[in-house]
Amino acid sequence: MTFEEIKDKLSHFKIGIAGAGGLGSNCAASLIRAGVKKLVIADFDVVCESNLNRQFYFADQIGVLKVKALNDNLLRIYSNLDIDFRVLKITHENVKELFQNCDVIVEAFDDKHEKQMLIESVIKYLPNIPLVIGSGMAGWGDNNSIVTEKFDNLFACGDKVSEINEDLPPIGPRVGIVANMQANQVLEILLGKM
């Protein structure tokens, strides 16, 4: 398949992204660069200086809502996008309404309780939509520990053990690797294996 054929095929799919931080912002940029044109992105947070080490934002966007800043940044890559960005906290009650028209959902939360809530909600309300999650990306190095595992309609990208904490912060390279693995997994779901 040529790149033009890939872009054409991907332009017909809609991807939901739950969270616009390190995973969500970088995954969205990779998906757009690959040819995805339609996204639903939900987040309620604003860009902070501490986000700049790993998220697809810039210093002049500090204080701006992440979904607004991400929309602006993605439109700088390609201007003919259909981005439905929602300023809200994702809850068990709104997952179905937010993502029911998506072909794949990407989980991009920092908090393990929010991750669990999204997984449980998608399994309950949207069991036929593939869910790609990130799990274990803190720190640096050890590239070979980062893998993708499939569990029915759930795909987990990361090392599944390196939990973010004060002594093991999220840093750009590992977060970016996992975000791009998530984007690559979305492509595999939509396009099939090479």
N, C-alpha and C. Protein backbone atom coordinates (compact mmCIF):
# COMPACT_ATOMS: atom_id res chain seq x y z
N MET A 1 0.84 -1.17 0.00
CA MET A 1 0.00 0.00 0.00
C MET A 1 0.90 1.24 0.00
N THR A 2 0.63 2.18 -0.90
CA THR A 2 1.40 3.41 -0.94
C THR A 2 0.97 4.31 0.21
N PHE A 3 1.78 5.35 0.48
CA PHE A 3 1.42 6.27 1.55
C PHE A 3 0.12 7.00 1.22
N GLU A 4 -0.08 7.34 -0.04
CA GLU A 4 -1.33 7.99 -0.44
C GLU A 4 -2.53 7.08 -0.18
N GLU A 5 -2.39 5.79 -0.46
CA GLU A 5 -3.47 4.84 -0.19
C GLU A 5 -3.72 4.70 1.31
N ILE A 6 -2.64 4.69 2.08
CA ILE A 6 -2.75 4.62 3.55
C ILE A 6 -3.50 5.84 4.06
N LYS A 7 -3.08 7.03 3.63
CA LYS A 7 -3.74 8.26 4.08
C LYS A 7 -5.22 8.27 3.69
N ASP A 8 -5.52 7.82 2.48
CA ASP A 8 -6.91 7.79 2.05
C ASP A 8 -7.74 6.85 2.92
N LYS A 9 -7.21 5.67 3.19
CA LYS A 9 -7.94 4.70 4.01
C LYS A 9 -8.14 5.23 5.43
N LEU A 10 -7.07 5.79 6.02
CA LEU A 10 -7.15 6.28 7.40
C LEU A 10 -8.08 7.48 7.55
N SER A 11 -8.26 8.24 6.48
CA SER A 11 -9.09 9.44 6.56
C SER A 11 -10.56 9.12 6.83
N HIS A 12 -10.96 7.88 6.67
CA HIS A 12 -12.35 7.49 6.88
C HIS A 12 -12.65 7.05 8.31
N PHE A 13 -11.61 6.89 9.14
CA PHE A 13 -11.79 6.41 10.51
C PHE A 13 -11.79 7.56 11.50
N LYS A 14 -12.46 7.34 12.64
CA LYS A 14 -12.47 8.31 13.73
C LYS A 14 -11.84 7.66 14.96
N ILE A 15 -10.88 8.36 15.56
CA ILE A 15 -10.16 7.85 16.72
C ILE A 15 -10.51 8.70 17.94
N GLY A 16 -10.84 8.06 19.05
CA GLY A 16 -11.09 8.75 20.30
C GLY A 16 -9.84 8.73 21.16
N ILE A 17 -9.51 9.85 21.76
CA ILE A 17 -8.34 9.94 22.63
C ILE A 17 -8.78 10.50 23.98
N ALA A 18 -8.61 9.68 25.01
CA ALA A 18 -9.01 10.04 26.37
C ALA A 18 -7.79 10.60 27.10
N GLY A 19 -7.65 11.90 27.09
CA GLY A 19 -6.53 12.57 27.73
C GLY A 19 -5.62 13.21 26.69
N ALA A 20 -5.16 14.43 26.97
CA ALA A 20 -4.34 15.17 26.00
C ALA A 20 -2.98 15.54 26.59
N GLY A 21 -2.44 14.64 27.42
CA GLY A 21 -1.13 14.88 28.02
C GLY A 21 -0.03 14.27 27.17
N GLY A 22 0.95 13.64 27.84
CA GLY A 22 2.11 13.09 27.14
C GLY A 22 1.74 12.02 26.13
N LEU A 23 0.91 11.07 26.53
CA LEU A 23 0.49 10.03 25.60
C LEU A 23 -0.46 10.58 24.55
N GLY A 24 -1.52 11.25 24.99
CA GLY A 24 -2.56 11.70 24.07
C GLY A 24 -2.09 12.69 23.04
N SER A 25 -1.31 13.69 23.46
CA SER A 25 -0.88 14.72 22.51
C SER A 25 0.09 14.16 21.48
N ASN A 26 1.03 13.33 21.92
CA ASN A 26 2.00 12.76 20.99
C ASN A 26 1.38 11.69 20.09
N CYS A 27 0.48 10.89 20.63
CA CYS A 27 -0.22 9.89 19.83
C CYS A 27 -1.05 10.58 18.76
N ALA A 28 -1.77 11.63 19.13
CA ALA A 28 -2.59 12.37 18.17
C ALA A 28 -1.74 12.92 17.03
N ALA A 29 -0.59 13.51 17.36
CA ALA A 29 0.28 14.06 16.31
C ALA A 29 0.74 12.97 15.36
N SER A 30 1.11 11.80 15.88
CA SER A 30 1.55 10.70 15.02
C SER A 30 0.42 10.18 14.15
N LEU A 31 -0.78 10.08 14.70
CA LEU A 31 -1.92 9.62 13.92
C LEU A 31 -2.24 10.60 12.79
N ILE A 32 -2.22 11.88 13.09
CA ILE A 32 -2.48 12.90 12.07
C ILE A 32 -1.42 12.83 10.97
N ARG A 33 -0.16 12.70 11.35
CA ARG A 33 0.91 12.62 10.35
C ARG A 33 0.76 11.39 9.47
N ALA A 34 0.16 10.32 10.01
CA ALA A 34 -0.03 9.09 9.24
C ALA A 34 -1.22 9.17 8.29
N GLY A 35 -2.15 10.12 8.54
CA GLY A 35 -3.29 10.26 7.64
C GLY A 35 -4.65 10.26 8.30
N VAL A 36 -4.72 10.05 9.61
CA VAL A 36 -6.01 10.14 10.31
C VAL A 36 -6.47 11.59 10.23
N LYS A 37 -7.73 11.79 9.95
CA LYS A 37 -8.29 13.14 9.82
C LYS A 37 -9.33 13.46 10.88
N LYS A 38 -9.90 12.42 11.52
CA LYS A 38 -11.00 12.64 12.46
C LYS A 38 -10.63 12.14 13.86
N LEU A 39 -10.69 13.05 14.83
CA LEU A 39 -10.38 12.72 16.22
C LEU A 39 -11.45 13.26 17.14
N VAL A 40 -11.68 12.54 18.24
CA VAL A 40 -12.42 13.05 19.39
C VAL A 40 -11.41 13.06 20.53
N ILE A 41 -11.13 14.22 21.08
CA ILE A 41 -10.14 14.35 22.15
C ILE A 41 -10.81 15.02 23.35
N ALA A 42 -10.69 14.39 24.51
CA ALA A 42 -11.30 14.95 25.72
C ALA A 42 -10.26 15.09 26.83
N ASP A 43 -10.24 16.27 27.46
CA ASP A 43 -9.36 16.56 28.58
C ASP A 43 -9.88 17.86 29.21
N PHE A 44 -9.56 18.09 30.47
CA PHE A 44 -10.03 19.31 31.14
C PHE A 44 -8.88 20.16 31.66
N ASP A 45 -7.64 19.70 31.47
CA ASP A 45 -6.47 20.33 32.07
C ASP A 45 -5.90 21.44 31.17
N VAL A 46 -5.02 22.25 31.76
CA VAL A 46 -4.31 23.29 31.00
C VAL A 46 -2.84 22.93 30.90
N VAL A 47 -2.18 23.49 29.91
CA VAL A 47 -0.75 23.27 29.71
C VAL A 47 0.03 23.96 30.84
N CYS A 48 0.94 23.20 31.47
CA CYS A 48 1.82 23.73 32.51
C CYS A 48 3.26 23.62 32.04
N GLU A 49 4.14 24.41 32.63
CA GLU A 49 5.56 24.35 32.26
C GLU A 49 6.11 22.94 32.45
N SER A 50 5.67 22.25 33.50
CA SER A 50 6.18 20.90 33.77
C SER A 50 5.77 19.89 32.70
N ASN A 51 4.80 20.23 31.85
CA ASN A 51 4.37 19.34 30.77
C ASN A 51 5.30 19.38 29.56
N LEU A 52 6.09 20.43 29.43
CA LEU A 52 6.83 20.66 28.20
C LEU A 52 7.93 19.64 27.95
N ASN A 53 8.33 18.86 28.98
CA ASN A 53 9.39 17.87 28.78
C ASN A 53 8.90 16.64 28.04
N ARG A 54 7.57 16.49 27.86
CA ARG A 54 7.09 15.25 27.26
C ARG A 54 5.80 15.40 26.47
N GLN A 55 5.21 16.57 26.44
CA GLN A 55 3.93 16.74 25.77
C GLN A 55 4.07 17.65 24.55
N PHE A 56 3.19 17.51 23.58
CA PHE A 56 3.27 18.22 22.31
C PHE A 56 2.69 19.64 22.44
N TYR A 57 3.36 20.43 23.31
CA TYR A 57 2.97 21.81 23.56
C TYR A 57 4.22 22.67 23.59
N PHE A 58 3.99 23.99 23.62
CA PHE A 58 5.09 24.94 23.57
C PHE A 58 4.95 25.97 24.68
N ALA A 59 6.06 26.66 25.00
CA ALA A 59 6.09 27.59 26.12
C ALA A 59 5.02 28.66 26.02
N ASP A 60 4.71 29.14 24.82
CA ASP A 60 3.70 30.19 24.69
C ASP A 60 2.27 29.65 24.86
N GLN A 61 2.11 28.33 25.09
CA GLN A 61 0.79 27.75 25.32
C GLN A 61 0.53 27.45 26.80
N ILE A 62 1.47 27.80 27.67
CA ILE A 62 1.27 27.60 29.11
C ILE A 62 0.02 28.37 29.54
N GLY A 63 -0.86 27.68 30.27
CA GLY A 63 -2.11 28.27 30.73
C GLY A 63 -3.29 28.06 29.79
N VAL A 64 -3.02 27.56 28.59
CA VAL A 64 -4.09 27.30 27.61
C VAL A 64 -4.65 25.90 27.86
N LEU A 65 -5.95 25.72 27.66
CA LEU A 65 -6.53 24.39 27.76
C LEU A 65 -5.81 23.44 26.81
N LYS A 66 -5.47 22.24 27.29
CA LYS A 66 -4.72 21.29 26.47
C LYS A 66 -5.44 20.95 25.17
N VAL A 67 -6.75 20.72 25.24
CA VAL A 67 -7.46 20.35 24.01
C VAL A 67 -7.44 21.49 23.00
N LYS A 68 -7.50 22.73 23.45
CA LYS A 68 -7.44 23.89 22.54
C LYS A 68 -6.04 24.00 21.94
N ALA A 69 -5.01 23.90 22.78
CA ALA A 69 -3.63 23.99 22.29
C ALA A 69 -3.31 22.84 21.34
N LEU A 70 -3.77 21.63 21.68
CA LEU A 70 -3.52 20.48 20.82
C LEU A 70 -4.23 20.64 19.49
N ASN A 71 -5.47 21.10 19.51
CA ASN A 71 -6.19 21.36 18.27
C ASN A 71 -5.38 22.32 17.39
N ASP A 72 -4.90 23.41 17.97
CA ASP A 72 -4.11 24.38 17.22
C ASP A 72 -2.85 23.75 16.64
N ASN A 73 -2.16 22.95 17.45
CA ASN A 73 -0.91 22.33 17.00
C ASN A 73 -1.16 21.32 15.88
N LEU A 74 -2.21 20.53 16.01
CA LEU A 74 -2.51 19.53 14.97
C LEU A 74 -2.91 20.21 13.67
N LEU A 75 -3.64 21.32 13.76
CA LEU A 75 -4.03 22.04 12.54
C LEU A 75 -2.84 22.69 11.86
N ARG A 76 -1.73 22.84 12.56
CA ARG A 76 -0.50 23.33 11.93
C ARG A 76 0.17 22.23 11.12
N ILE A 77 -0.13 20.96 11.43
CA ILE A 77 0.40 19.85 10.64
C ILE A 77 -0.41 19.73 9.35
N TYR A 78 -1.72 19.62 9.49
CA TYR A 78 -2.64 19.59 8.34
C TYR A 78 -3.86 20.42 8.70
N SER A 79 -4.30 21.25 7.80
CA SER A 79 -5.39 22.17 8.12
C SER A 79 -6.78 21.59 7.86
N ASN A 80 -6.85 20.46 7.19
CA ASN A 80 -8.16 19.89 6.81
C ASN A 80 -8.57 18.75 7.74
N LEU A 81 -8.55 19.00 9.03
CA LEU A 81 -8.88 17.98 10.02
C LEU A 81 -10.27 18.20 10.59
N ASP A 82 -10.85 17.13 11.11
CA ASP A 82 -12.14 17.18 11.79
C ASP A 82 -11.89 16.75 13.24
N ILE A 83 -11.60 17.73 14.10
CA ILE A 83 -11.27 17.45 15.50
C ILE A 83 -12.41 17.93 16.39
N ASP A 84 -12.98 16.98 17.11
CA ASP A 84 -14.02 17.28 18.08
C ASP A 84 -13.33 17.28 19.45
N PHE A 85 -12.94 18.47 19.93
CA PHE A 85 -12.27 18.50 21.22
C PHE A 85 -13.25 18.94 22.29
N ARG A 86 -13.21 18.20 23.40
CA ARG A 86 -14.15 18.41 24.50
C ARG A 86 -13.38 18.77 25.77
N VAL A 87 -13.77 19.87 26.38
CA VAL A 87 -13.19 20.30 27.65
C VAL A 87 -14.05 19.70 28.75
N LEU A 88 -13.62 18.54 29.23
CA LEU A 88 -14.37 17.88 30.30
C LEU A 88 -13.56 16.77 30.92
N LYS A 89 -13.95 16.41 32.11
CA LYS A 89 -13.36 15.26 32.80
C LYS A 89 -14.12 14.03 32.34
N ILE A 90 -13.40 13.03 31.89
CA ILE A 90 -14.02 11.80 31.43
C ILE A 90 -14.43 10.99 32.64
N THR A 91 -15.69 10.55 32.62
CA THR A 91 -16.23 9.77 33.74
C THR A 91 -16.90 8.52 33.19
N HIS A 92 -17.21 7.61 34.08
CA HIS A 92 -17.93 6.38 33.72
C HIS A 92 -19.23 6.73 32.99
N GLU A 93 -19.86 7.84 33.38
CA GLU A 93 -21.15 8.22 32.83
C GLU A 93 -21.07 8.80 31.42
N ASN A 94 -19.92 9.39 31.02
CA ASN A 94 -19.89 10.04 29.70
C ASN A 94 -19.03 9.31 28.66
N VAL A 95 -18.41 8.20 29.02
CA VAL A 95 -17.55 7.47 28.08
C VAL A 95 -18.33 7.03 26.84
N LYS A 96 -19.49 6.47 27.04
CA LYS A 96 -20.26 5.96 25.90
C LYS A 96 -20.61 7.09 24.93
N GLU A 97 -21.13 8.19 25.44
CA GLU A 97 -21.52 9.31 24.58
C GLU A 97 -20.31 9.89 23.84
N LEU A 98 -19.19 9.98 24.53
CA LEU A 98 -17.99 10.57 23.92
C LEU A 98 -17.43 9.73 22.77
N PHE A 99 -17.35 8.42 22.97
CA PHE A 99 -16.56 7.58 22.07
C PHE A 99 -17.35 6.55 21.27
N GLN A 100 -18.68 6.57 21.35
CA GLN A 100 -19.47 5.53 20.69
C GLN A 100 -19.33 5.52 19.17
N ASN A 101 -18.96 6.62 18.55
CA ASN A 101 -18.82 6.68 17.10
C ASN A 101 -17.37 6.54 16.64
N CYS A 102 -16.50 6.11 17.54
CA CYS A 102 -15.09 5.96 17.20
C CYS A 102 -14.79 4.53 16.75
N ASP A 103 -13.77 4.41 15.92
CA ASP A 103 -13.33 3.09 15.45
C ASP A 103 -12.32 2.46 16.40
N VAL A 104 -11.54 3.28 17.09
CA VAL A 104 -10.58 2.85 18.10
C VAL A 104 -10.53 3.93 19.16
N ILE A 105 -10.29 3.53 20.42
CA ILE A 105 -10.13 4.48 21.52
C ILE A 105 -8.72 4.32 22.07
N VAL A 106 -8.06 5.46 22.33
CA VAL A 106 -6.73 5.49 22.93
C VAL A 106 -6.86 6.04 24.35
N GLU A 107 -6.40 5.27 25.33
CA GLU A 107 -6.36 5.72 26.73
C GLU A 107 -5.05 6.45 26.94
N ALA A 108 -5.14 7.66 27.51
CA ALA A 108 -3.93 8.47 27.69
C ALA A 108 -3.97 9.22 29.02
N PHE A 109 -4.27 8.52 30.09
CA PHE A 109 -4.35 9.10 31.43
C PHE A 109 -3.06 8.86 32.21
N ASP A 110 -2.78 9.77 33.15
CA ASP A 110 -1.67 9.59 34.09
C ASP A 110 -2.11 8.73 35.28
N ASP A 111 -3.33 8.95 35.73
CA ASP A 111 -3.82 8.36 36.97
C ASP A 111 -4.31 6.93 36.75
N LYS A 112 -3.83 6.00 37.57
CA LYS A 112 -4.20 4.58 37.40
C LYS A 112 -5.68 4.33 37.66
N HIS A 113 -6.31 5.13 38.52
CA HIS A 113 -7.74 4.96 38.79
C HIS A 113 -8.57 5.39 37.58
N GLU A 114 -8.14 6.48 36.91
CA GLU A 114 -8.83 6.91 35.69
C GLU A 114 -8.64 5.89 34.58
N LYS A 115 -7.43 5.30 34.49
CA LYS A 115 -7.20 4.25 33.49
C LYS A 115 -8.16 3.09 33.71
N GLN A 116 -8.26 2.66 34.95
CA GLN A 116 -9.14 1.54 35.28
C GLN A 116 -10.58 1.87 34.97
N MET A 117 -11.01 3.10 35.30
CA MET A 117 -12.38 3.52 35.02
C MET A 117 -12.66 3.46 33.53
N LEU A 118 -11.72 3.95 32.71
CA LEU A 118 -11.94 3.95 31.27
C LEU A 118 -12.00 2.53 30.72
N ILE A 119 -11.08 1.68 31.15
CA ILE A 119 -11.07 0.29 30.69
C ILE A 119 -12.40 -0.38 31.03
N GLU A 120 -12.84 -0.24 32.27
CA GLU A 120 -14.09 -0.87 32.69
C GLU A 120 -15.29 -0.30 31.93
N SER A 121 -15.29 1.01 31.69
CA SER A 121 -16.40 1.64 30.98
C SER A 121 -16.46 1.19 29.52
N VAL A 122 -15.30 1.12 28.87
CA VAL A 122 -15.29 0.69 27.47
C VAL A 122 -15.72 -0.77 27.37
N ILE A 123 -15.23 -1.62 28.26
CA ILE A 123 -15.63 -3.03 28.25
C ILE A 123 -17.14 -3.16 28.46
N LYS A 124 -17.70 -2.34 29.34
CA LYS A 124 -19.13 -2.43 29.64
C LYS A 124 -20.00 -1.84 28.52
N TYR A 125 -19.65 -0.62 28.07
CA TYR A 125 -20.53 0.11 27.16
C TYR A 125 -20.14 0.00 25.68
N LEU A 126 -18.87 -0.21 25.40
CA LEU A 126 -18.39 -0.20 24.01
C LEU A 126 -17.47 -1.40 23.75
N PRO A 127 -17.92 -2.60 24.04
CA PRO A 127 -17.03 -3.77 24.00
C PRO A 127 -16.49 -4.11 22.61
N ASN A 128 -17.11 -3.61 21.56
CA ASN A 128 -16.65 -3.93 20.21
C ASN A 128 -15.63 -2.93 19.66
N ILE A 129 -15.35 -1.89 20.43
CA ILE A 129 -14.37 -0.89 19.98
C ILE A 129 -13.02 -1.22 20.62
N PRO A 130 -11.98 -1.42 19.81
CA PRO A 130 -10.65 -1.68 20.36
C PRO A 130 -10.18 -0.52 21.24
N LEU A 131 -9.52 -0.87 22.34
CA LEU A 131 -8.97 0.11 23.28
C LEU A 131 -7.47 -0.10 23.39
N VAL A 132 -6.70 0.97 23.15
CA VAL A 132 -5.24 0.91 23.22
C VAL A 132 -4.80 1.74 24.42
N ILE A 133 -4.18 1.09 25.40
CA ILE A 133 -3.78 1.77 26.64
C ILE A 133 -2.27 1.86 26.76
N GLY A 134 -1.83 2.77 27.64
CA GLY A 134 -0.42 2.88 27.99
C GLY A 134 -0.25 2.43 29.43
N SER A 135 0.78 1.61 29.68
CA SER A 135 0.99 1.11 31.04
C SER A 135 2.47 0.86 31.26
N GLY A 136 3.12 1.72 32.04
CA GLY A 136 4.54 1.54 32.36
C GLY A 136 5.43 2.27 31.39
N MET A 137 5.69 3.56 31.70
CA MET A 137 6.56 4.35 30.82
C MET A 137 7.43 5.34 31.58
N ALA A 138 7.48 5.20 32.90
CA ALA A 138 8.24 6.14 33.71
C ALA A 138 9.74 5.94 33.53
N GLY A 139 10.48 6.99 33.79
CA GLY A 139 11.94 6.91 33.79
C GLY A 139 12.56 7.01 32.40
N TRP A 140 13.65 6.27 32.23
CA TRP A 140 14.42 6.35 30.99
C TRP A 140 15.09 5.00 30.73
N GLY A 141 15.59 4.84 29.52
CA GLY A 141 16.33 3.63 29.16
C GLY A 141 15.48 2.38 29.07
N ASP A 142 16.16 1.25 28.93
CA ASP A 142 15.55 -0.09 28.88
C ASP A 142 14.48 -0.18 27.80
N ASN A 143 14.84 0.25 26.58
CA ASN A 143 13.90 0.25 25.46
C ASN A 143 13.27 -1.12 25.23
N ASN A 144 14.05 -2.18 25.40
CA ASN A 144 13.56 -3.51 25.06
C ASN A 144 12.49 -4.03 26.01
N SER A 145 12.27 -3.33 27.12
CA SER A 145 11.22 -3.76 28.04
C SER A 145 9.84 -3.25 27.61
N ILE A 146 9.80 -2.33 26.66
CA ILE A 146 8.54 -1.73 26.22
C ILE A 146 7.97 -2.57 25.10
N VAL A 147 6.78 -3.12 25.34
CA VAL A 147 6.16 -4.05 24.39
C VAL A 147 4.67 -3.73 24.27
N THR A 148 4.01 -4.41 23.35
CA THR A 148 2.56 -4.36 23.24
C THR A 148 2.02 -5.75 23.46
N GLU A 149 1.01 -5.85 24.33
CA GLU A 149 0.33 -7.12 24.56
C GLU A 149 -1.15 -6.96 24.27
N LYS A 150 -1.76 -8.01 23.73
CA LYS A 150 -3.17 -8.01 23.38
C LYS A 150 -3.95 -8.89 24.35
N PHE A 151 -5.05 -8.33 24.84
CA PHE A 151 -5.98 -9.06 25.70
C PHE A 151 -7.37 -8.84 25.12
N ASP A 152 -7.86 -9.79 24.33
CA ASP A 152 -9.14 -9.64 23.63
C ASP A 152 -9.11 -8.37 22.79
N ASN A 153 -9.94 -7.37 23.13
CA ASN A 153 -10.03 -6.14 22.36
C ASN A 153 -9.26 -4.99 23.01
N LEU A 154 -8.35 -5.33 23.94
CA LEU A 154 -7.53 -4.35 24.65
C LEU A 154 -6.07 -4.60 24.30
N PHE A 155 -5.35 -3.52 23.98
CA PHE A 155 -3.94 -3.58 23.63
C PHE A 155 -3.19 -2.71 24.62
N ALA A 156 -2.21 -3.27 25.33
CA ALA A 156 -1.46 -2.54 26.35
C ALA A 156 -0.04 -2.29 25.85
N CYS A 157 0.36 -1.02 25.78
CA CYS A 157 1.69 -0.62 25.34
C CYS A 157 2.47 -0.08 26.54
N GLY A 158 3.67 -0.58 26.75
CA GLY A 158 4.52 -0.12 27.84
C GLY A 158 5.25 -1.29 28.46
N ASP A 159 5.89 -1.07 29.61
CA ASP A 159 6.58 -2.17 30.28
C ASP A 159 5.73 -2.77 31.41
N LYS A 160 4.60 -2.15 31.69
CA LYS A 160 3.61 -2.60 32.67
C LYS A 160 4.11 -2.62 34.11
N VAL A 161 5.29 -2.08 34.38
CA VAL A 161 5.80 -2.09 35.76
C VAL A 161 6.32 -0.73 36.23
N SER A 162 6.89 0.08 35.37
CA SER A 162 7.52 1.33 35.83
C SER A 162 6.47 2.40 36.06
N GLU A 163 5.95 2.41 37.29
CA GLU A 163 4.91 3.36 37.69
C GLU A 163 5.53 4.71 38.00
N ILE A 164 4.88 5.76 37.53
CA ILE A 164 5.36 7.12 37.73
C ILE A 164 5.30 7.48 39.21
N ASN A 165 6.42 8.03 39.73
CA ASN A 165 6.45 8.55 41.09
C ASN A 165 7.52 9.63 41.14
N GLU A 166 7.76 10.21 42.31
CA GLU A 166 8.69 11.32 42.43
C GLU A 166 10.11 10.95 42.00
N ASP A 167 10.52 9.71 42.30
CA ASP A 167 11.87 9.27 41.95
C ASP A 167 11.96 8.65 40.55
N LEU A 168 10.83 8.44 39.91
CA LEU A 168 10.78 7.86 38.57
C LEU A 168 9.75 8.65 37.76
N PRO A 169 10.13 9.88 37.35
CA PRO A 169 9.16 10.75 36.67
C PRO A 169 8.97 10.35 35.20
N PRO A 170 7.89 10.84 34.60
CA PRO A 170 7.70 10.64 33.17
C PRO A 170 8.62 11.59 32.41
N ILE A 171 9.39 11.06 31.49
CA ILE A 171 10.34 11.86 30.70
C ILE A 171 10.07 11.61 29.23
N GLY A 172 10.31 12.61 28.41
CA GLY A 172 9.96 12.60 27.00
C GLY A 172 10.24 11.34 26.21
N PRO A 173 11.45 10.79 26.25
CA PRO A 173 11.72 9.64 25.37
C PRO A 173 10.82 8.43 25.62
N ARG A 174 10.70 7.96 26.86
CA ARG A 174 9.87 6.76 27.10
C ARG A 174 8.38 7.05 26.90
N VAL A 175 7.93 8.23 27.31
CA VAL A 175 6.53 8.59 27.07
C VAL A 175 6.28 8.64 25.57
N GLY A 176 7.20 9.24 24.82
CA GLY A 176 7.06 9.33 23.37
C GLY A 176 7.07 7.97 22.69
N ILE A 177 7.93 7.07 23.19
CA ILE A 177 7.96 5.71 22.62
C ILE A 177 6.60 5.04 22.79
N VAL A 178 6.05 5.12 24.01
CA VAL A 178 4.77 4.46 24.26
C VAL A 178 3.66 5.14 23.46
N ALA A 179 3.66 6.47 23.38
CA ALA A 179 2.64 7.18 22.59
C ALA A 179 2.70 6.75 21.13
N ASN A 180 3.90 6.61 20.60
CA ASN A 180 4.04 6.20 19.20
C ASN A 180 3.71 4.72 19.02
N MET A 181 3.97 3.90 20.03
CA MET A 181 3.52 2.51 19.96
C MET A 181 2.00 2.45 19.93
N GLN A 182 1.36 3.30 20.72
CA GLN A 182 -0.10 3.35 20.70
C GLN A 182 -0.60 3.75 19.31
N ALA A 183 0.00 4.78 18.73
CA ALA A 183 -0.40 5.20 17.38
C ALA A 183 -0.16 4.08 16.38
N ASN A 184 0.97 3.41 16.49
CA ASN A 184 1.28 2.31 15.58
C ASN A 184 0.29 1.16 15.75
N GLN A 185 -0.14 0.89 16.99
CA GLN A 185 -1.12 -0.16 17.23
C GLN A 185 -2.47 0.22 16.61
N VAL A 186 -2.84 1.49 16.71
CA VAL A 186 -4.07 1.95 16.07
C VAL A 186 -4.00 1.68 14.57
N LEU A 187 -2.86 2.01 13.95
CA LEU A 187 -2.70 1.76 12.52
C LEU A 187 -2.82 0.28 12.19
N GLU A 188 -2.22 -0.57 13.03
CA GLU A 188 -2.31 -2.00 12.78
C GLU A 188 -3.75 -2.50 12.87
N ILE A 189 -4.49 -1.97 13.83
CA ILE A 189 -5.90 -2.33 13.96
C ILE A 189 -6.68 -1.92 12.71
N LEU A 190 -6.43 -0.72 12.24
CA LEU A 190 -7.20 -0.17 11.12
C LEU A 190 -6.75 -0.67 9.75
N LEU A 191 -5.45 -0.88 9.61
CA LEU A 191 -4.89 -1.25 8.30
C LEU A 191 -4.50 -2.72 8.20
N GLY A 192 -4.39 -3.40 9.33
CA GLY A 192 -3.88 -4.76 9.33
C GLY A 192 -2.36 -4.75 9.38
N LYS A 193 -1.79 -5.92 9.53
CA LYS A 193 -0.32 -6.03 9.57
C LYS A 193 0.25 -5.87 8.17
N MET A 194 1.51 -5.51 8.11
CA MET A 194 2.19 -5.34 6.82
C MET A 194 2.28 -6.67 6.09
